[in-house]
Amino acid sequence: MIGSGIPCPCCGVKLNINMDFIIENPVAACPSCGSVMKFPINNELLEEYKEAKLQIENIKKTMKSFK
């Protein structure tokens, strides 16, 4: 999982979050200390990320068809 070890900037607790979580929740609170974090989203990078995820899923489907 990408980003699973990102620590809270205030208390240092590792947040079990990934890129999909950040995209869906650009504002989130730490479950430990309650500090609010805002994750800025660059729309161009967001589109590239979505395209890359789609390509990965298509490759996975192709690989399954070889079994």
N, C-alpha and C. Protein backbone atom coordinates (compact mmCIF):
# COMPACT_ATOMS: atom_id res chain seq x y z
N MET A 1 0.85 -1.17 0.00
CA MET A 1 0.00 0.00 0.00
C MET A 1 0.89 1.23 0.00
N ILE A 2 0.70 2.11 -0.92
CA ILE A 2 1.48 3.33 -1.00
C ILE A 2 1.03 4.28 0.11
N GLY A 3 1.97 4.75 0.88
CA GLY A 3 1.66 5.75 1.90
C GLY A 3 1.19 5.19 3.23
N SER A 4 1.33 3.90 3.45
CA SER A 4 0.80 3.32 4.68
C SER A 4 1.57 3.75 5.92
N GLY A 5 2.77 4.27 5.77
CA GLY A 5 3.56 4.66 6.92
C GLY A 5 3.65 6.15 7.14
N ILE A 6 2.76 6.93 6.54
CA ILE A 6 2.80 8.38 6.70
C ILE A 6 2.46 8.72 8.15
N PRO A 7 3.36 9.44 8.84
CA PRO A 7 3.06 9.79 10.24
C PRO A 7 2.24 11.08 10.34
N CYS A 8 1.50 11.19 11.42
CA CYS A 8 0.80 12.44 11.71
C CYS A 8 1.86 13.49 11.98
N PRO A 9 1.75 14.68 11.39
CA PRO A 9 2.76 15.71 11.61
C PRO A 9 2.78 16.26 13.04
N CYS A 10 1.72 16.04 13.79
CA CYS A 10 1.67 16.56 15.17
C CYS A 10 2.11 15.55 16.21
N CYS A 11 1.56 14.34 16.17
CA CYS A 11 1.86 13.37 17.23
C CYS A 11 2.76 12.23 16.77
N GLY A 12 2.97 12.08 15.46
CA GLY A 12 3.88 11.07 14.94
C GLY A 12 3.29 9.68 14.78
N VAL A 13 2.02 9.47 15.14
CA VAL A 13 1.38 8.17 14.98
C VAL A 13 1.29 7.85 13.49
N LYS A 14 1.66 6.61 13.13
CA LYS A 14 1.57 6.21 11.72
C LYS A 14 0.11 6.12 11.33
N LEU A 15 -0.23 6.79 10.25
CA LEU A 15 -1.59 6.79 9.74
C LEU A 15 -1.69 5.71 8.67
N ASN A 16 -2.65 4.85 8.79
CA ASN A 16 -2.82 3.76 7.83
C ASN A 16 -3.66 4.26 6.66
N ILE A 17 -3.06 5.15 5.87
CA ILE A 17 -3.78 5.74 4.73
C ILE A 17 -3.00 5.47 3.45
N ASN A 18 -3.69 5.53 2.33
CA ASN A 18 -3.06 5.37 1.03
C ASN A 18 -3.53 6.48 0.10
N MET A 19 -3.04 6.45 -1.12
CA MET A 19 -3.39 7.50 -2.08
C MET A 19 -4.88 7.56 -2.35
N ASP A 20 -5.53 6.42 -2.42
CA ASP A 20 -6.98 6.42 -2.68
C ASP A 20 -7.72 7.12 -1.55
N PHE A 21 -7.31 6.88 -0.32
CA PHE A 21 -7.94 7.54 0.83
C PHE A 21 -7.75 9.05 0.74
N ILE A 22 -6.53 9.47 0.43
CA ILE A 22 -6.24 10.91 0.35
C ILE A 22 -7.06 11.57 -0.75
N ILE A 23 -7.20 10.89 -1.88
CA ILE A 23 -7.97 11.45 -3.00
C ILE A 23 -9.44 11.59 -2.61
N GLU A 24 -9.99 10.59 -1.94
CA GLU A 24 -11.39 10.62 -1.53
C GLU A 24 -11.64 11.54 -0.33
N ASN A 25 -10.60 11.75 0.49
CA ASN A 25 -10.73 12.54 1.71
C ASN A 25 -9.60 13.56 1.78
N PRO A 26 -9.69 14.64 1.02
CA PRO A 26 -8.59 15.61 1.01
C PRO A 26 -8.41 16.33 2.35
N VAL A 27 -9.37 16.19 3.25
CA VAL A 27 -9.24 16.72 4.60
C VAL A 27 -9.56 15.57 5.56
N ALA A 28 -8.63 15.30 6.48
CA ALA A 28 -8.82 14.19 7.41
C ALA A 28 -8.26 14.57 8.77
N ALA A 29 -8.73 13.88 9.81
CA ALA A 29 -8.25 14.12 11.16
C ALA A 29 -7.49 12.89 11.66
N CYS A 30 -6.44 13.13 12.42
CA CYS A 30 -5.67 12.05 13.02
C CYS A 30 -6.54 11.36 14.07
N PRO A 31 -6.63 10.03 14.04
CA PRO A 31 -7.45 9.34 15.03
C PRO A 31 -6.85 9.38 16.43
N SER A 32 -5.57 9.71 16.53
CA SER A 32 -4.91 9.73 17.83
C SER A 32 -5.04 11.09 18.53
N CYS A 33 -4.62 12.16 17.83
CA CYS A 33 -4.60 13.48 18.47
C CYS A 33 -5.67 14.43 17.96
N GLY A 34 -6.33 14.06 16.85
CA GLY A 34 -7.41 14.88 16.31
C GLY A 34 -6.97 16.04 15.44
N SER A 35 -5.66 16.16 15.18
CA SER A 35 -5.22 17.27 14.32
C SER A 35 -5.78 17.07 12.92
N VAL A 36 -6.16 18.18 12.30
CA VAL A 36 -6.77 18.14 10.97
C VAL A 36 -5.68 18.36 9.92
N MET A 37 -5.68 17.50 8.92
CA MET A 37 -4.70 17.59 7.83
C MET A 37 -5.42 17.82 6.52
N LYS A 38 -4.89 18.73 5.74
CA LYS A 38 -5.45 19.01 4.41
C LYS A 38 -4.41 18.56 3.38
N PHE A 39 -4.85 17.71 2.46
CA PHE A 39 -3.97 17.20 1.42
C PHE A 39 -4.32 17.90 0.11
N PRO A 40 -3.47 18.82 -0.35
CA PRO A 40 -3.77 19.51 -1.61
C PRO A 40 -3.71 18.53 -2.78
N ILE A 41 -4.65 18.67 -3.69
CA ILE A 41 -4.74 17.79 -4.84
C ILE A 41 -4.46 18.59 -6.11
N ASN A 42 -3.50 18.12 -6.89
CA ASN A 42 -3.20 18.71 -8.18
C ASN A 42 -4.03 17.93 -9.21
N ASN A 43 -4.95 18.60 -9.88
CA ASN A 43 -5.88 17.93 -10.80
C ASN A 43 -5.17 17.19 -11.93
N GLU A 44 -4.08 17.76 -12.44
CA GLU A 44 -3.35 17.11 -13.52
C GLU A 44 -2.73 15.80 -13.02
N LEU A 45 -2.11 15.84 -11.84
CA LEU A 45 -1.54 14.63 -11.27
C LEU A 45 -2.61 13.62 -10.90
N LEU A 46 -3.76 14.10 -10.45
CA LEU A 46 -4.87 13.22 -10.11
C LEU A 46 -5.32 12.43 -11.33
N GLU A 47 -5.44 13.09 -12.46
CA GLU A 47 -5.85 12.41 -13.69
C GLU A 47 -4.80 11.38 -14.12
N GLU A 48 -3.51 11.74 -13.99
CA GLU A 48 -2.45 10.80 -14.34
C GLU A 48 -2.48 9.58 -13.41
N TYR A 49 -2.76 9.81 -12.13
CA TYR A 49 -2.84 8.72 -11.16
C TYR A 49 -3.99 7.78 -11.51
N LYS A 50 -5.15 8.35 -11.83
CA LYS A 50 -6.30 7.53 -12.20
C LYS A 50 -6.01 6.72 -13.45
N GLU A 51 -5.34 7.33 -14.42
CA GLU A 51 -4.99 6.62 -15.66
C GLU A 51 -4.01 5.48 -15.36
N ALA A 52 -3.04 5.72 -14.51
CA ALA A 52 -2.07 4.68 -14.16
C ALA A 52 -2.76 3.53 -13.44
N LYS A 53 -3.68 3.84 -12.52
CA LYS A 53 -4.42 2.78 -11.82
C LYS A 53 -5.24 1.94 -12.79
N LEU A 54 -5.85 2.59 -13.77
CA LEU A 54 -6.64 1.89 -14.77
C LEU A 54 -5.74 0.96 -15.60
N GLN A 55 -4.57 1.45 -15.98
CA GLN A 55 -3.63 0.63 -16.73
C GLN A 55 -3.18 -0.58 -15.92
N ILE A 56 -2.92 -0.38 -14.63
CA ILE A 56 -2.52 -1.49 -13.75
C ILE A 56 -3.63 -2.53 -13.67
N GLU A 57 -4.87 -2.09 -13.51
CA GLU A 57 -5.99 -3.03 -13.44
C GLU A 57 -6.15 -3.79 -14.75
N ASN A 58 -5.94 -3.13 -15.87
CA ASN A 58 -6.03 -3.80 -17.17
C ASN A 58 -4.93 -4.85 -17.32
N ILE A 59 -3.73 -4.54 -16.83
CA ILE A 59 -2.63 -5.51 -16.88
C ILE A 59 -2.96 -6.71 -15.99
N LYS A 60 -3.52 -6.46 -14.81
CA LYS A 60 -3.90 -7.57 -13.92
C LYS A 60 -4.91 -8.48 -14.60
N LYS A 61 -5.89 -7.89 -15.28
CA LYS A 61 -6.91 -8.70 -15.97
C LYS A 61 -6.26 -9.52 -17.09
N THR A 62 -5.33 -8.91 -17.81
CA THR A 62 -4.62 -9.61 -18.88
C THR A 62 -3.83 -10.78 -18.31
N MET A 63 -3.14 -10.56 -17.20
CA MET A 63 -2.34 -11.61 -16.58
C MET A 63 -3.21 -12.76 -16.11
N LYS A 64 -4.40 -12.48 -15.59
CA LYS A 64 -5.30 -13.54 -15.15
C LYS A 64 -5.76 -14.41 -16.31
N SER A 65 -5.86 -13.82 -17.48
CA SER A 65 -6.33 -14.58 -18.65
C SER A 65 -5.28 -15.58 -19.14
N PHE A 66 -4.01 -15.42 -18.75
CA PHE A 66 -2.95 -16.35 -19.14
C PHE A 66 -2.92 -17.60 -18.27
N LYS A 67 -3.58 -17.57 -17.14
CA LYS A 67 -3.54 -18.72 -16.20
C LYS A 67 -4.34 -19.87 -16.71
